C-alpha atoms as a PDB file:
ATOM      1  CA  MET A   1    -153.865  -9.511 -21.662  1.00  0.00           C
ATOM      2  CA  THR A   2    -152.495 -10.202 -24.980  1.00  0.00           C
ATOM      3  CA  SER A   3    -153.904  -8.826 -28.240  1.00  0.00           C
ATOM      4  CA  PRO A   4    -155.623 -10.675 -30.839  1.00  0.00           C
ATOM      5  CA  THR A   5    -153.336 -12.090 -33.331  1.00  0.00           C
ATOM      6  CA  VAL A   6    -154.023 -13.157 -37.304  1.00  0.00           C
ATOM      7  CA  LEU A   7    -152.682 -15.660 -39.517  1.00  0.00           C
ATOM      8  CA  SER A   8    -149.626 -13.803 -41.001  1.00  0.00           C
ATOM      9  CA  PHE A   9    -149.518 -15.316 -44.768  1.00  0.00           C
ATOM     10  CA  ASP A  10    -152.294 -13.514 -46.775  1.00  0.00           C
ATOM     11  CA  TRP A  11    -152.168 -10.312 -44.364  1.00  0.00           C
ATOM     12  CA  SER A  12    -148.499  -9.940 -44.811  1.00  0.00           C
ATOM     13  CA  ARG A  13    -149.073  -9.993 -48.908  1.00  0.00           C
ATOM     14  CA  LEU A  14    -151.820  -7.763 -48.623  1.00  0.00           C
ATOM     15  CA  LEU A  15    -150.050  -5.310 -46.554  1.00  0.00           C
ATOM     16  CA  ARG A  16    -147.160  -5.008 -48.769  1.00  0.00           C
ATOM     17  CA  GLU A  17    -149.305  -4.922 -51.721  1.00  0.00           C
ATOM     18  CA  LEU A  18    -151.497  -2.065 -50.399  1.00  0.00           C
ATOM     19  CA  ARG A  19    -148.429  -0.008 -49.273  1.00  0.00           C
ATOM     20  CA  ARG A  20    -146.826  -0.653 -52.748  1.00  0.00           C
ATOM     21  CA  GLU A  21    -149.859   0.699 -54.533  1.00  0.00           C
ATOM     22  CA  SER A  22    -149.952   3.680 -52.410  1.00  0.00           C
ATOM     23  CA  GLY A  23    -146.342   4.703 -53.281  1.00  0.00           C
ATOM     24  CA  ILE A  24    -144.737   4.991 -49.720  1.00  0.00           C
ATOM     25  CA  SER A  25    -142.133   3.253 -48.401  1.00  0.00           C
ATOM     26  CA  GLN A  26    -141.986   1.235 -45.183  1.00  0.00           C
ATOM     27  CA  HIS A  27    -140.163   4.259 -43.400  1.00  0.00           C
ATOM     28  CA  ALA A  28    -142.817   6.939 -44.469  1.00  0.00           C
ATOM     29  CA  LEU A  29    -145.807   4.416 -43.157  1.00  0.00           C
ATOM     30  CA  SER A  30    -144.045   4.154 -40.139  1.00  0.00           C
ATOM     31  CA  LEU A  31    -143.427   7.776 -39.361  1.00  0.00           C
ATOM     32  CA  ARG A  32    -147.523   7.887 -40.334  1.00  0.00           C
ATOM     33  CA  SER A  33    -148.552   5.162 -38.474  1.00  0.00           C
ATOM     34  CA  GLY A  34    -146.356   5.220 -35.010  1.00  0.00           C
ATOM     35  CA  ILE A  35    -145.344   1.411 -35.899  1.00  0.00           C
ATOM     36  CA  SER A  36    -141.642   0.970 -36.083  1.00  0.00           C
ATOM     37  CA  GLN A  37    -140.299   0.300 -40.018  1.00  0.00           C
ATOM     38  CA  ARG A  38    -138.719  -2.928 -38.375  1.00  0.00           C
ATOM     39  CA  THR A  39    -141.881  -3.962 -37.514  1.00  0.00           C
ATOM     40  CA  ILE A  40    -143.771  -2.924 -40.930  1.00  0.00           C
ATOM     41  CA  SER A  41    -141.068  -4.951 -42.582  1.00  0.00           C
ATOM     42  CA  ASP A  42    -141.283  -8.121 -40.445  1.00  0.00           C
ATOM     43  CA  TYR A  43    -144.837  -7.962 -41.244  1.00  0.00           C
ATOM     44  CA  GLU A  44    -144.876  -7.857 -44.930  1.00  0.00           C
ATOM     45  CA  ASP A  45    -142.188 -10.648 -45.119  1.00  0.00           C
ATOM     46  CA  VAL A  46    -144.090 -13.919 -46.328  1.00  0.00           C
ATOM     47  CA  SER A  47    -141.178 -15.835 -46.249  1.00  0.00           C
ATOM     48  CA  THR A  48    -141.505 -16.303 -42.649  1.00  0.00           C
ATOM     49  CA  CYS A  49    -144.738 -17.332 -40.675  1.00  0.00           C
ATOM     50  CA  ARG A  50    -145.755 -15.042 -37.571  1.00  0.00           C
ATOM     51  CA  GLN A  51    -148.765 -14.238 -35.828  1.00  0.00           C
ATOM     52  CA  LEU A  52    -149.326 -10.400 -36.334  1.00  0.00           C
ATOM     53  CA  SER A  53    -151.473  -8.194 -34.245  1.00  0.00           C
ATOM     54  CA  ILE A  54    -154.881  -7.533 -35.710  1.00  0.00           C
ATOM     55  CA  TYR A  55    -154.567  -4.090 -33.927  1.00  0.00           C
ATOM     56  CA  LYS A  56    -151.375  -3.120 -35.655  1.00  0.00           C
ATOM     57  CA  VAL A  57    -152.409  -4.686 -39.045  1.00  0.00           C
ATOM     58  CA  GLU A  58    -155.548  -2.483 -38.654  1.00  0.00           C
ATOM     59  CA  LYS A  59    -153.747   0.691 -37.894  1.00  0.00           C
ATOM     60  CA  LEU A  60    -151.495   0.051 -40.938  1.00  0.00           C
ATOM     61  CA  ILE A  61    -154.514  -0.720 -42.946  1.00  0.00           C
ATOM     62  CA  HIS A  62    -156.248   2.632 -42.155  1.00  0.00           C
ATOM     63  CA  VAL A  63    -152.903   4.740 -42.458  1.00  0.00           C
ATOM     64  CA  LEU A  64    -152.840   3.470 -46.044  1.00  0.00           C
ATOM     65  CA  GLY A  65    -156.685   4.703 -46.443  1.00  0.00           C
ATOM     66  CA  TYR A  66    -158.534   1.400 -46.324  1.00  0.00           C
ATOM     67  CA  GLU A  67    -160.969  -0.031 -43.752  1.00  0.00           C
ATOM     68  CA  ILE A  68    -159.945  -3.458 -42.216  1.00  0.00           C
ATOM     69  CA  ASP A  69    -163.988  -4.233 -42.498  1.00  0.00           C
ATOM     70  CA  VAL A  70    -163.567  -4.513 -46.567  1.00  0.00           C
ATOM     71  CA  PHE A  71    -160.726  -7.507 -46.394  1.00  0.00           C
ATOM     72  CA  LEU A  72    -162.392  -9.407 -43.397  1.00  0.00           C
ATOM     73  CA  ARG A  73    -165.672  -9.310 -45.437  1.00  0.00           C
ATOM     74  CA  SER A  74    -163.946 -10.910 -48.331  1.00  0.00           C
ATOM     75  CA  LYS A  75    -162.345 -13.922 -46.380  1.00  0.00           C
END
């Protein structure tokens, strides 16, 4: 079974903005989340259209100190 995916454009921008606001690098986020820096970089890249794993997006948002529910309700 594959994991559910979400459209990437808004999530990519959101992830990048939240990480920058938190003042941490992709490398630091990688260490805290257990998700590779390459994946984080790919997820933040708004120039390419890709499907993102909702589970990884949720984990990254949580590590950054937010809850994904807040962003899902605002959509």
